[in-house]
Amino acid sequence: MDFNQNKPIYLQIADSICEKILSGEYLPDERILSVRELGVSLGVNPNTIARVYEHLQGMEIIYNKRGIGYFVASDAPARILQMQRTEFLENELPLVARKMKLLGVPVSELEKMLS
């Protein structure tokens, strides 16, 4: 995994896990890699992975079965979609809309591109 220096590594790993859940690579109620396994596979300190898992648990994307491991929450795909949709609508789309206005790009041109 190539890391971007503009965003904390733990958030990049959390985003990657969310993408795997949305793509169906990780299914609801399926066990995911342990902290140690994921740390080794990514070449990242296990403490960083523990922080990732803590973050994802706080968002109710994964849950821990003590002594067994971490699992994808049954409603994780829907929860991730809603969070990412909100993030896009509140943070990314306004930037695009502002840039379109500055450049004089009509909404109709965007609609053509999307159809």
PDB file of N, CA and C in Angstrom:
ATOM      1  N   MET A   1       0.847  -1.178   0.000  1.00  0.00           N
ATOM      2  CA  MET A   1       0.000   0.000   0.000  1.00  0.00           C
ATOM      3  C   MET A   1       0.890   1.238   0.000  1.00  0.00           C
ATOM      4  N   ASP A   2       0.625   2.161  -0.910  1.00  0.00           N
ATOM      5  CA  ASP A   2       1.367   3.417  -0.953  1.00  0.00           C
ATOM      6  C   ASP A   2       0.636   4.452  -0.103  1.00  0.00           C
ATOM      7  N   PHE A   3       1.364   5.065   0.798  1.00  0.00           N
ATOM      8  CA  PHE A   3       0.752   6.018   1.707  1.00  0.00           C
ATOM      9  C   PHE A   3       0.940   7.451   1.231  1.00  0.00           C
ATOM     10  N   ASN A   4      -0.083   8.256   1.447  1.00  0.00           N
ATOM     11  CA  ASN A   4      -0.095   9.674   1.114  1.00  0.00           C
ATOM     12  C   ASN A   4       0.339  10.445   2.356  1.00  0.00           C
ATOM     13  N   GLN A   5       1.264  11.357   2.208  1.00  0.00           N
ATOM     14  CA  GLN A   5       1.769  12.087   3.364  1.00  0.00           C
ATOM     15  C   GLN A   5       0.809  13.160   3.866  1.00  0.00           C
ATOM     16  N   ASN A   6      -0.264  13.418   3.127  1.00  0.00           N
ATOM     17  CA  ASN A   6      -1.212  14.463   3.523  1.00  0.00           C
ATOM     18  C   ASN A   6      -2.310  13.964   4.457  1.00  0.00           C
ATOM     19  N   LYS A   7      -2.318  12.684   4.738  1.00  0.00           N
ATOM     20  CA  LYS A   7      -3.364  12.096   5.583  1.00  0.00           C
ATOM     21  C   LYS A   7      -2.724  11.064   6.495  1.00  0.00           C
ATOM     22  N   PRO A   8      -3.130  11.008   7.763  1.00  0.00           N
ATOM     23  CA  PRO A   8      -2.537  10.023   8.679  1.00  0.00           C
ATOM     24  C   PRO A   8      -2.664   8.585   8.140  1.00  0.00           C
ATOM     25  N   ILE A   9      -1.619   7.808   8.354  1.00  0.00           N
ATOM     26  CA  ILE A   9      -1.578   6.432   7.849  1.00  0.00           C
ATOM     27  C   ILE A   9      -2.750   5.618   8.376  1.00  0.00           C
ATOM     28  N   TYR A  10      -3.092   5.773   9.646  1.00  0.00           N
ATOM     29  CA  TYR A  10      -4.172   4.955  10.198  1.00  0.00           C
ATOM     30  C   TYR A  10      -5.495   5.239   9.494  1.00  0.00           C
ATOM     31  N   LEU A  11      -5.716   6.494   9.088  1.00  0.00           N
ATOM     32  CA  LEU A  11      -6.955   6.818   8.365  1.00  0.00           C
ATOM     33  C   LEU A  11      -6.927   6.256   6.947  1.00  0.00           C
ATOM     34  N   GLN A  12      -5.756   6.240   6.332  1.00  0.00           N
ATOM     35  CA  GLN A  12      -5.631   5.655   4.998  1.00  0.00           C
ATOM     36  C   GLN A  12      -5.906   4.154   5.034  1.00  0.00           C
ATOM     37  N   ILE A  13      -5.425   3.494   6.066  1.00  0.00           N
ATOM     38  CA  ILE A  13      -5.667   2.055   6.209  1.00  0.00           C
ATOM     39  C   ILE A  13      -7.145   1.812   6.501  1.00  0.00           C
ATOM     40  N   ALA A  14      -7.734   2.640   7.345  1.00  0.00           N
ATOM     41  CA  ALA A  14      -9.170   2.517   7.638  1.00  0.00           C
ATOM     42  C   ALA A  14      -9.987   2.696   6.361  1.00  0.00           C
ATOM     43  N   ASP A  15      -9.617   3.675   5.524  1.00  0.00           N
ATOM     44  CA  ASP A  15     -10.310   3.885   4.250  1.00  0.00           C
ATOM     45  C   ASP A  15     -10.174   2.667   3.346  1.00  0.00           C
ATOM     46  N   SER A  16      -8.994   2.071   3.345  1.00  0.00           N
ATOM     47  CA  SER A  16      -8.751   0.880   2.531  1.00  0.00           C
ATOM     48  C   SER A  16      -9.637  -0.282   2.979  1.00  0.00           C
ATOM     49  N   ILE A  17      -9.769  -0.453   4.279  1.00  0.00           N
ATOM     50  CA  ILE A  17     -10.631  -1.515   4.806  1.00  0.00           C
ATOM     51  C   ILE A  17     -12.084  -1.240   4.428  1.00  0.00           C
ATOM     52  N   CYS A  18     -12.502   0.010   4.527  1.00  0.00           N
ATOM     53  CA  CYS A  18     -13.867   0.375   4.142  1.00  0.00           C
ATOM     54  C   CYS A  18     -14.112   0.088   2.665  1.00  0.00           C
ATOM     55  N   GLU A  19     -13.131   0.381   1.823  1.00  0.00           N
ATOM     56  CA  GLU A  19     -13.252   0.080   0.394  1.00  0.00           C
ATOM     57  C   GLU A  19     -13.397  -1.423   0.164  1.00  0.00           C
ATOM     58  N   LYS A  20     -12.652  -2.220   0.921  1.00  0.00           N
ATOM     59  CA  LYS A  20     -12.743  -3.670   0.780  1.00  0.00           C
ATOM     60  C   LYS A  20     -14.112  -4.177   1.224  1.00  0.00           C
ATOM     61  N   ILE A  21     -14.687  -3.533   2.210  1.00  0.00           N
ATOM     62  CA  ILE A  21     -16.038  -3.905   2.652  1.00  0.00           C
ATOM     63  C   ILE A  21     -17.044  -3.543   1.567  1.00  0.00           C
ATOM     64  N   LEU A  22     -16.926  -2.346   1.014  1.00  0.00           N
ATOM     65  CA  LEU A  22     -17.862  -1.920  -0.029  1.00  0.00           C
ATOM     66  C   LEU A  22     -17.735  -2.755  -1.295  1.00  0.00           C
ATOM     67  N   SER A  23     -16.518  -3.189  -1.612  1.00  0.00           N
ATOM     68  CA  SER A  23     -16.308  -3.980  -2.833  1.00  0.00           C
ATOM     69  C   SER A  23     -16.715  -5.441  -2.660  1.00  0.00           C
ATOM     70  N   GLY A  24     -16.994  -5.837  -1.410  1.00  0.00           N
ATOM     71  CA  GLY A  24     -17.387  -7.219  -1.152  1.00  0.00           C
ATOM     72  C   GLY A  24     -16.224  -8.146  -0.849  1.00  0.00           C
ATOM     73  N   GLU A  25     -15.012  -7.577  -0.792  1.00  0.00           N
ATOM     74  CA  GLU A  25     -13.854  -8.393  -0.450  1.00  0.00           C
ATOM     75  C   GLU A  25     -13.938  -8.867   1.001  1.00  0.00           C
ATOM     76  N   TYR A  26     -14.458  -7.987   1.875  1.00  0.00           N
ATOM     77  CA  TYR A  26     -14.757  -8.349   3.257  1.00  0.00           C
ATOM     78  C   TYR A  26     -16.271  -8.323   3.399  1.00  0.00           C
ATOM     79  N   LEU A  27     -16.855  -9.427   3.777  1.00  0.00           N
ATOM     80  CA  LEU A  27     -18.307  -9.539   3.882  1.00  0.00           C
ATOM     81  C   LEU A  27     -18.784  -9.298   5.314  1.00  0.00           C
ATOM     82  N   PRO A  28     -20.035  -8.868   5.477  1.00  0.00           N
ATOM     83  CA  PRO A  28     -20.586  -8.683   6.824  1.00  0.00           C
ATOM     84  C   PRO A  28     -20.446  -9.959   7.662  1.00  0.00           C
ATOM     85  N   ASP A  29     -20.102  -9.771   8.909  1.00  0.00           N
ATOM     86  CA  ASP A  29     -19.901 -10.834   9.898  1.00  0.00           C
ATOM     87  C   ASP A  29     -18.741 -11.769   9.573  1.00  0.00           C
ATOM     88  N   GLU A  30     -17.885 -11.357   8.641  1.00  0.00           N
ATOM     89  CA  GLU A  30     -16.692 -12.123   8.297  1.00  0.00           C
ATOM     90  C   GLU A  30     -15.512 -11.624   9.119  1.00  0.00           C
ATOM     91  N   ARG A  31     -14.658 -12.553   9.532  1.00  0.00           N
ATOM     92  CA  ARG A  31     -13.463 -12.193  10.296  1.00  0.00           C
ATOM     93  C   ARG A  31     -12.467 -11.514   9.367  1.00  0.00           C
ATOM     94  N   ILE A  32     -11.829 -10.453   9.867  1.00  0.00           N
ATOM     95  CA  ILE A  32     -10.781  -9.784   9.109  1.00  0.00           C
ATOM     96  C   ILE A  32      -9.436 -10.120   9.739  1.00  0.00           C
ATOM     97  N   LEU A  33      -8.365  -9.708   9.093  1.00  0.00           N
ATOM     98  CA  LEU A  33      -7.029 -10.009   9.596  1.00  0.00           C
ATOM     99  C   LEU A  33      -6.830  -9.471  11.012  1.00  0.00           C
ATOM    100  N   SER A  34      -6.033 -10.179  11.775  1.00  0.00           N
ATOM    101  CA  SER A  34      -5.715  -9.715  13.126  1.00  0.00           C
ATOM    102  C   SER A  34      -4.828  -8.484  13.029  1.00  0.00           C
ATOM    103  N   VAL A  35      -4.666  -7.796  14.138  1.00  0.00           N
ATOM    104  CA  VAL A  35      -3.805  -6.618  14.197  1.00  0.00           C
ATOM    105  C   VAL A  35      -2.412  -6.978  13.704  1.00  0.00           C
ATOM    106  N   ARG A  36      -1.889  -8.054  14.200  1.00  0.00           N
ATOM    107  CA  ARG A  36      -0.534  -8.480  13.833  1.00  0.00           C
ATOM    108  C   ARG A  36      -0.460  -8.872  12.357  1.00  0.00           C
ATOM    109  N   GLU A  37      -1.432  -9.661  11.877  1.00  0.00           N
ATOM    110  CA  GLU A  37      -1.434 -10.101  10.476  1.00  0.00           C
ATOM    111  C   GLU A  37      -1.474  -8.916   9.515  1.00  0.00           C
ATOM    112  N   LEU A  38      -2.352  -7.962   9.791  1.00  0.00           N
ATOM    113  CA  LEU A  38      -2.469  -6.809   8.912  1.00  0.00           C
ATOM    114  C   LEU A  38      -1.216  -5.935   8.991  1.00  0.00           C
ATOM    115  N   GLY A  39      -0.682  -5.782  10.186  1.00  0.00           N
ATOM    116  CA  GLY A  39       0.549  -5.005  10.348  1.00  0.00           C
ATOM    117  C   GLY A  39       1.691  -5.585   9.535  1.00  0.00           C
ATOM    118  N   VAL A  40       1.847  -6.898   9.593  1.00  0.00           N
ATOM    119  CA  VAL A  40       2.910  -7.565   8.835  1.00  0.00           C
ATOM    120  C   VAL A  40       2.663  -7.418   7.330  1.00  0.00           C
ATOM    121  N   SER A  41       1.425  -7.632   6.889  1.00  0.00           N
ATOM    122  CA  SER A  41       1.139  -7.576   5.453  1.00  0.00           C
ATOM    123  C   SER A  41       1.336  -6.171   4.872  1.00  0.00           C
ATOM    124  N   LEU A  42       1.133  -5.145   5.684  1.00  0.00           N
ATOM    125  CA  LEU A  42       1.308  -3.771   5.209  1.00  0.00           C
ATOM    126  C   LEU A  42       2.670  -3.180   5.573  1.00  0.00           C
ATOM    127  N   GLY A  43       3.417  -3.889   6.414  1.00  0.00           N
ATOM    128  CA  GLY A  43       4.701  -3.365   6.867  1.00  0.00           C
ATOM    129  C   GLY A  43       4.538  -2.169   7.789  1.00  0.00           C
ATOM    130  N   VAL A  44       3.494  -2.239   8.629  1.00  0.00           N
ATOM    131  CA  VAL A  44       3.143  -1.139   9.526  1.00  0.00           C
ATOM    132  C   VAL A  44       3.195  -1.650  10.968  1.00  0.00           C
ATOM    133  N   ASN A  45       3.538  -0.777  11.875  1.00  0.00           N
ATOM    134  CA  ASN A  45       3.591  -1.108  13.295  1.00  0.00           C
ATOM    135  C   ASN A  45       2.208  -1.593  13.767  1.00  0.00           C
ATOM    136  N   PRO A  46       2.149  -2.684  14.529  1.00  0.00           N
ATOM    137  CA  PRO A  46       0.870  -3.174  15.046  1.00  0.00           C
ATOM    138  C   PRO A  46       0.093  -2.130  15.862  1.00  0.00           C
ATOM    139  N   ASN A  47       0.802  -1.204  16.498  1.00  0.00           N
ATOM    140  CA  ASN A  47       0.106  -0.142  17.239  1.00  0.00           C
ATOM    141  C   ASN A  47      -0.722   0.736  16.308  1.00  0.00           C
ATOM    142  N   THR A  48      -0.234   0.933  15.098  1.00  0.00           N
ATOM    143  CA  THR A  48      -0.978   1.707  14.103  1.00  0.00           C
ATOM    144  C   THR A  48      -2.241   0.960  13.708  1.00  0.00           C
ATOM    145  N   ILE A  49      -2.115  -0.351  13.520  1.00  0.00           N
ATOM    146  CA  ILE A  49      -3.277  -1.165  13.145  1.00  0.00           C
ATOM    147  C   ILE A  49      -4.279  -1.201  14.297  1.00  0.00           C
ATOM    148  N   ALA A  50      -3.779  -1.279  15.522  1.00  0.00           N
ATOM    149  CA  ALA A  50      -4.680  -1.240  16.684  1.00  0.00           C
ATOM    150  C   ALA A  50      -5.471   0.066  16.677  1.00  0.00           C
ATOM    151  N   ARG A  51      -4.824   1.154  16.302  1.00  0.00           N
ATOM    152  CA  ARG A  51      -5.508   2.453  16.220  1.00  0.00           C
ATOM    153  C   ARG A  51      -6.554   2.441  15.107  1.00  0.00           C
ATOM    154  N   VAL A  52      -6.227   1.805  13.982  1.00  0.00           N
ATOM    155  CA  VAL A  52      -7.179   1.662  12.874  1.00  0.00           C
ATOM    156  C   VAL A  52      -8.419   0.925  13.352  1.00  0.00           C
ATOM    157  N   TYR A  53      -8.212  -0.204  14.002  1.00  0.00           N
ATOM    158  CA  TYR A  53      -9.330  -1.029  14.449  1.00  0.00           C
ATOM    159  C   TYR A  53     -10.156  -0.313  15.516  1.00  0.00           C
ATOM    160  N   GLU A  54      -9.486   0.428  16.381  1.00  0.00           N
ATOM    161  CA  GLU A  54     -10.198   1.218  17.396  1.00  0.00           C
ATOM    162  C   GLU A  54     -11.078   2.276  16.710  1.00  0.00           C
ATOM    163  N   HIS A  55     -10.520   2.906  15.702  1.00  0.00           N
ATOM    164  CA  HIS A  55     -11.257   3.922  14.935  1.00  0.00           C
ATOM    165  C   HIS A  55     -12.481   3.295  14.252  1.00  0.00           C
ATOM    166  N   LEU A  56     -12.287   2.154  13.600  1.00  0.00           N
ATOM    167  CA  LEU A  56     -13.387   1.489  12.900  1.00  0.00           C
ATOM    168  C   LEU A  56     -14.442   0.946  13.879  1.00  0.00           C
ATOM    169  N   GLN A  57     -14.002   0.517  15.041  1.00  0.00           N
ATOM    170  CA  GLN A  57     -14.966   0.081  16.062  1.00  0.00           C
ATOM    171  C   GLN A  57     -15.795   1.262  16.536  1.00  0.00           C
ATOM    172  N   GLY A  58     -15.162   2.399  16.715  1.00  0.00           N
ATOM    173  CA  GLY A  58     -15.870   3.602  17.147  1.00  0.00           C
ATOM    174  C   GLY A  58     -16.935   4.032  16.149  1.00  0.00           C
ATOM    175  N   MET A  59     -16.695   3.734  14.867  1.00  0.00           N
ATOM    176  CA  MET A  59     -17.665   4.061  13.823  1.00  0.00           C
ATOM    177  C   MET A  59     -18.656   2.912  13.588  1.00  0.00           C
ATOM    178  N   GLU A  60     -18.492   1.836  14.373  1.00  0.00           N
ATOM    179  CA  GLU A  60     -19.341   0.647  14.292  1.00  0.00           C
ATOM    180  C   GLU A  60     -19.269  -0.035  12.929  1.00  0.00           C
ATOM    181  N   ILE A  61     -18.065  -0.012  12.331  1.00  0.00           N
ATOM    182  CA  ILE A  61     -17.808  -0.692  11.063  1.00  0.00           C
ATOM    183  C   ILE A  61     -17.356  -2.127  11.333  1.00  0.00           C
ATOM    184  N   ILE A  62     -16.598  -2.302  12.390  1.00  0.00           N
ATOM    185  CA  ILE A  62     -16.142  -3.633  12.800  1.00  0.00           C
ATOM    186  C   ILE A  62     -16.455  -3.813  14.278  1.00  0.00           C
ATOM    187  N   TYR A  63     -16.394  -5.057  14.718  1.00  0.00           N
ATOM    188  CA  TYR A  63     -16.563  -5.348  16.138  1.00  0.00           C
ATOM    189  C   TYR A  63     -15.588  -6.443  16.525  1.00  0.00           C
ATOM    190  N   ASN A  64     -15.316  -6.541  17.812  1.00  0.00           N
ATOM    191  CA  ASN A  64     -14.346  -7.490  18.334  1.00  0.00           C
ATOM    192  C   ASN A  64     -15.055  -8.594  19.098  1.00  0.00           C
ATOM    193  N   LYS A  65     -14.742  -9.834  18.744  1.00  0.00           N
ATOM    194  CA  LYS A  65     -15.164 -10.981  19.553  1.00  0.00           C
ATOM    195  C   LYS A  65     -13.927 -11.383  20.337  1.00  0.00           C
ATOM    196  N   ARG A  66     -13.963 -11.074  21.593  1.00  0.00           N
ATOM    197  CA  ARG A  66     -12.788 -11.276  22.442  1.00  0.00           C
ATOM    198  C   ARG A  66     -12.229 -12.695  22.297  1.00  0.00           C
ATOM    199  N   GLY A  67     -10.945 -12.761  22.025  1.00  0.00           N
ATOM    200  CA  GLY A  67     -10.263 -14.041  21.891  1.00  0.00           C
ATOM    201  C   GLY A  67     -10.424 -14.681  20.520  1.00  0.00           C
ATOM    202  N   ILE A  68     -11.276 -14.124  19.680  1.00  0.00           N
ATOM    203  CA  ILE A  68     -11.500 -14.705  18.353  1.00  0.00           C
ATOM    204  C   ILE A  68     -10.964 -13.781  17.264  1.00  0.00           C
ATOM    205  N   GLY A  69     -11.261 -12.497  17.372  1.00  0.00           N
ATOM    206  CA  GLY A  69     -10.766 -11.545  16.384  1.00  0.00           C
ATOM    207  C   GLY A  69     -11.765 -10.459  16.063  1.00  0.00           C
ATOM    208  N   TYR A  70     -11.457  -9.746  15.013  1.00  0.00           N
ATOM    209  CA  TYR A  70     -12.306  -8.644  14.557  1.00  0.00           C
ATOM    210  C   TYR A  70     -13.156  -9.090  13.382  1.00  0.00           C
ATOM    211  N   PHE A  71     -14.388  -8.586  13.352  1.00  0.00           N
ATOM    212  CA  PHE A  71     -15.357  -8.966  12.333  1.00  0.00           C
ATOM    213  C   PHE A  71     -16.014  -7.729  11.758  1.00  0.00           C
ATOM    214  N   VAL A  72     -16.448  -7.851  10.500  1.00  0.00           N
ATOM    215  CA  VAL A  72     -17.167  -6.765   9.836  1.00  0.00           C
ATOM    216  C   VAL A  72     -18.587  -6.726  10.397  1.00  0.00           C
ATOM    217  N   ALA A  73     -19.039  -5.565  10.786  1.00  0.00           N
ATOM    218  CA  ALA A  73     -20.403  -5.410  11.302  1.00  0.00           C
ATOM    219  C   ALA A  73     -21.406  -5.730  10.197  1.00  0.00           C
ATOM    220  N   SER A  74     -22.545  -6.277  10.575  1.00  0.00           N
ATOM    221  CA  SER A  74     -23.540  -6.690   9.583  1.00  0.00           C
ATOM    222  C   SER A  74     -24.065  -5.527   8.750  1.00  0.00           C
ATOM    223  N   ASP A  75     -24.127  -4.340   9.328  1.00  0.00           N
ATOM    224  CA  ASP A  75     -24.619  -3.179   8.585  1.00  0.00           C
ATOM    225  C   ASP A  75     -23.482  -2.264   8.112  1.00  0.00           C
ATOM    226  N   ALA A  76     -22.263  -2.776   8.112  1.00  0.00           N
ATOM    227  CA  ALA A  76     -21.104  -1.960   7.742  1.00  0.00           C
ATOM    228  C   ALA A  76     -21.206  -1.356   6.338  1.00  0.00           C
ATOM    229  N   PRO A  77     -21.590  -2.129   5.306  1.00  0.00           N
ATOM    230  CA  PRO A  77     -21.659  -1.515   3.969  1.00  0.00           C
ATOM    231  C   PRO A  77     -22.604  -0.313   3.919  1.00  0.00           C
ATOM    232  N   ALA A  78     -23.773  -0.439   4.485  1.00  0.00           N
ATOM    233  CA  ALA A  78     -24.738   0.663   4.481  1.00  0.00           C
ATOM    234  C   ALA A  78     -24.212   1.841   5.296  1.00  0.00           C
ATOM    235  N   ARG A  79     -23.582   1.551   6.414  1.00  0.00           N
ATOM    236  CA  ARG A  79     -23.032   2.606   7.281  1.00  0.00           C
ATOM    237  C   ARG A  79     -21.908   3.356   6.556  1.00  0.00           C
ATOM    238  N   ILE A  80     -21.035   2.618   5.880  1.00  0.00           N
ATOM    239  CA  ILE A  80     -19.926   3.240   5.146  1.00  0.00           C
ATOM    240  C   ILE A  80     -20.467   4.097   4.009  1.00  0.00           C
ATOM    241  N   LEU A  81     -21.423   3.556   3.254  1.00  0.00           N
ATOM    242  CA  LEU A  81     -22.015   4.323   2.159  1.00  0.00           C
ATOM    243  C   LEU A  81     -22.597   5.638   2.654  1.00  0.00           C
ATOM    244  N   GLN A  82     -23.316   5.581   3.748  1.00  0.00           N
ATOM    245  CA  GLN A  82     -23.934   6.796   4.289  1.00  0.00           C
ATOM    246  C   GLN A  82     -22.878   7.800   4.739  1.00  0.00           C
ATOM    247  N   MET A  83     -21.840   7.329   5.418  1.00  0.00           N
ATOM    248  CA  MET A  83     -20.781   8.229   5.889  1.00  0.00           C
ATOM    249  C   MET A  83     -20.032   8.853   4.718  1.00  0.00           C
ATOM    250  N   GLN A  84     -19.711   8.035   3.703  1.00  0.00           N
ATOM    251  CA  GLN A  84     -18.965   8.556   2.562  1.00  0.00           C
ATOM    252  C   GLN A  84     -19.825   9.500   1.724  1.00  0.00           C
ATOM    253  N   ARG A  85     -21.096   9.196   1.632  1.00  0.00           N
ATOM    254  CA  ARG A  85     -22.017  10.074   0.895  1.00  0.00           C
ATOM    255  C   ARG A  85     -22.099  11.435   1.588  1.00  0.00           C
ATOM    256  N   THR A  86     -22.252  11.422   2.899  1.00  0.00           N
ATOM    257  CA  THR A  86     -22.306  12.664   3.668  1.00  0.00           C
ATOM    258  C   THR A  86     -21.006  13.446   3.512  1.00  0.00           C
ATOM    259  N   GLU A  87     -19.879  12.756   3.616  1.00  0.00           N
ATOM    260  CA  GLU A  87     -18.567  13.390   3.446  1.00  0.00           C
ATOM    261  C   GLU A  87     -18.464  14.053   2.073  1.00  0.00           C
ATOM    262  N   PHE A  88     -18.893  13.345   1.032  1.00  0.00           N
ATOM    263  CA  PHE A  88     -18.843  13.889  -0.327  1.00  0.00           C
ATOM    264  C   PHE A  88     -19.732  15.120  -0.467  1.00  0.00           C
ATOM    265  N   LEU A  89     -20.972  14.991  -0.006  1.00  0.00           N
ATOM    266  CA  LEU A  89     -21.924  16.090  -0.164  1.00  0.00           C
ATOM    267  C   LEU A  89     -21.542  17.330   0.643  1.00  0.00           C
ATOM    268  N   GLU A  90     -20.962  17.121   1.809  1.00  0.00           N
ATOM    269  CA  GLU A  90     -20.636  18.256   2.673  1.00  0.00           C
ATOM    270  C   GLU A  90     -19.262  18.859   2.412  1.00  0.00           C
ATOM    271  N   ASN A  91     -18.299  18.037   1.956  1.00  0.00           N
ATOM    272  CA  ASN A  91     -16.930  18.531   1.841  1.00  0.00           C
ATOM    273  C   ASN A  91     -16.372  18.587   0.421  1.00  0.00           C
ATOM    274  N   GLU A  92     -16.673  17.597  -0.386  1.00  0.00           N
ATOM    275  CA  GLU A  92     -16.071  17.547  -1.721  1.00  0.00           C
ATOM    276  C   GLU A  92     -16.915  18.246  -2.780  1.00  0.00           C
ATOM    277  N   LEU A  93     -18.210  17.986  -2.794  1.00  0.00           N
ATOM    278  CA  LEU A  93     -19.080  18.574  -3.812  1.00  0.00           C
ATOM    279  C   LEU A  93     -19.083  20.101  -3.789  1.00  0.00           C
ATOM    280  N   PRO A  94     -19.110  20.748  -2.619  1.00  0.00           N
ATOM    281  CA  PRO A  94     -19.053  22.212  -2.623  1.00  0.00           C
ATOM    282  C   PRO A  94     -17.789  22.763  -3.303  1.00  0.00           C
ATOM    283  N   LEU A  95     -16.660  22.044  -3.171  1.00  0.00           N
ATOM    284  CA  LEU A  95     -15.430  22.470  -3.839  1.00  0.00           C
ATOM    285  C   LEU A  95     -15.571  22.352  -5.354  1.00  0.00           C
ATOM    286  N   VAL A  96     -16.171  21.270  -5.811  1.00  0.00           N
ATOM    287  CA  VAL A  96     -16.398  21.067  -7.243  1.00  0.00           C
ATOM    288  C   VAL A  96     -17.356  22.132  -7.766  1.00  0.00           C
ATOM    289  N   ALA A  97     -18.433  22.377  -7.043  1.00  0.00           N
ATOM    290  CA  ALA A  97     -19.423  23.368  -7.467  1.00  0.00           C
ATOM    291  C   ALA A  97     -18.792  24.759  -7.552  1.00  0.00           C
ATOM    292  N   ARG A  98     -17.960  25.102  -6.574  1.00  0.00           N
ATOM    293  CA  ARG A  98     -17.294  26.402  -6.570  1.00  0.00           C
ATOM    294  C   ARG A  98     -16.358  26.529  -7.778  1.00  0.00           C
ATOM    295  N   LYS A  99     -15.617  25.451  -8.064  1.00  0.00           N
ATOM    296  CA  LYS A  99     -14.687  25.446  -9.202  1.00  0.00           C
ATOM    297  C   LYS A  99     -15.460  25.541 -10.517  1.00  0.00           C
ATOM    298  N   MET A 100     -16.583  24.828 -10.622  1.00  0.00           N
ATOM    299  CA  MET A 100     -17.413  24.905 -11.826  1.00  0.00           C
ATOM    300  C   MET A 100     -17.892  26.333 -12.051  1.00  0.00           C
ATOM    301  N   LYS A 101     -18.313  26.979 -10.981  1.00  0.00           N
ATOM    302  CA  LYS A 101     -18.809  28.361 -11.079  1.00  0.00           C
ATOM    303  C   LYS A 101     -17.690  29.301 -11.530  1.00  0.00           C
ATOM    304  N   LEU A 102     -16.498  29.134 -10.934  1.00  0.00           N
ATOM    305  CA  LEU A 102     -15.347  29.961 -11.294  1.00  0.00           C
ATOM    306  C   LEU A 102     -14.977  29.814 -12.767  1.00  0.00           C
ATOM    307  N   LEU A 103     -15.069  28.577 -13.264  1.00  0.00           N
ATOM    308  CA  LEU A 103     -14.669  28.289 -14.639  1.00  0.00           C
ATOM    309  C   LEU A 103     -15.807  28.460 -15.641  1.00  0.00           C
ATOM    310  N   GLY A 104     -16.999  28.733 -15.127  1.00  0.00           N
ATOM    311  CA  GLY A 104     -18.136  28.916 -16.015  1.00  0.00           C
ATOM    312  C   GLY A 104     -18.622  27.625 -16.653  1.00  0.00           C
ATOM    313  N   VAL A 105     -18.429  26.517 -15.945  1.00  0.00           N
ATOM    314  CA  VAL A 105     -18.881  25.217 -16.453  1.00  0.00           C
ATOM    315  C   VAL A 105     -20.342  25.028 -16.057  1.00  0.00           C
ATOM    316  N   PRO A 106     -21.239  24.943 -17.051  1.00  0.00           N
ATOM    317  CA  PRO A 106     -22.652  24.772 -16.709  1.00  0.00           C
ATOM    318  C   PRO A 106     -22.943  23.361 -16.200  1.00  0.00           C
ATOM    319  N   VAL A 107     -23.954  23.250 -15.373  1.00  0.00           N
ATOM    320  CA  VAL A 107     -24.361  21.957 -14.820  1.00  0.00           C
ATOM    321  C   VAL A 107     -24.726  20.990 -15.956  1.00  0.00           C
ATOM    322  N   SER A 108     -25.275  21.529 -17.034  1.00  0.00           N
ATOM    323  CA  SER A 108     -25.658  20.678 -18.167  1.00  0.00           C
ATOM    324  C   SER A 108     -24.452  19.939 -18.749  1.00  0.00           C
ATOM    325  N   GLU A 109     -23.277  20.582 -18.727  1.00  0.00           N
ATOM    326  CA  GLU A 109     -22.063  19.922 -19.222  1.00  0.00           C
ATOM    327  C   GLU A 109     -21.669  18.753 -18.313  1.00  0.00           C
ATOM    328  N   LEU A 110     -21.825  18.951 -17.034  1.00  0.00           N
ATOM    329  CA  LEU A 110     -21.553  17.885 -16.078  1.00  0.00           C
ATOM    330  C   LEU A 110     -22.551  16.739 -16.275  1.00  0.00           C
ATOM    331  N   GLU A 111     -23.811  17.079 -16.468  1.00  0.00           N
ATOM    332  CA  GLU A 111     -24.822  16.051 -16.690  1.00  0.00           C
ATOM    333  C   GLU A 111     -24.507  15.208 -17.920  1.00  0.00           C
ATOM    334  N   LYS A 112     -24.011  15.857 -19.005  1.00  0.00           N
ATOM    335  CA  LYS A 112     -23.627  15.121 -20.223  1.00  0.00           C
ATOM    336  C   LYS A 112     -22.521  14.129 -19.925  1.00  0.00           C
ATOM    337  N   MET A 113     -21.540  14.560 -19.129  1.00  0.00           N
ATOM    338  CA  MET A 113     -20.415  13.696 -18.778  1.00  0.00           C
ATOM    339  C   MET A 113     -20.853  12.486 -17.964  1.00  0.00           C
ATOM    340  N   LEU A 114     -21.859  12.668 -17.154  1.00  0.00           N
ATOM    341  CA  LEU A 114     -22.309  11.601 -16.260  1.00  0.00           C
ATOM    342  C   LEU A 114     -23.295  10.631 -16.916  1.00  0.00           C
ATOM    343  N   SER A 115     -23.838  11.001 -18.084  1.00  0.00           N
ATOM    344  CA  SER A 115     -24.799  10.086 -18.708  1.00  0.00           C
ATOM    345  C   SER A 115     -24.160   9.140 -19.679  1.00  0.00           C
TER     346      SER A 115
END
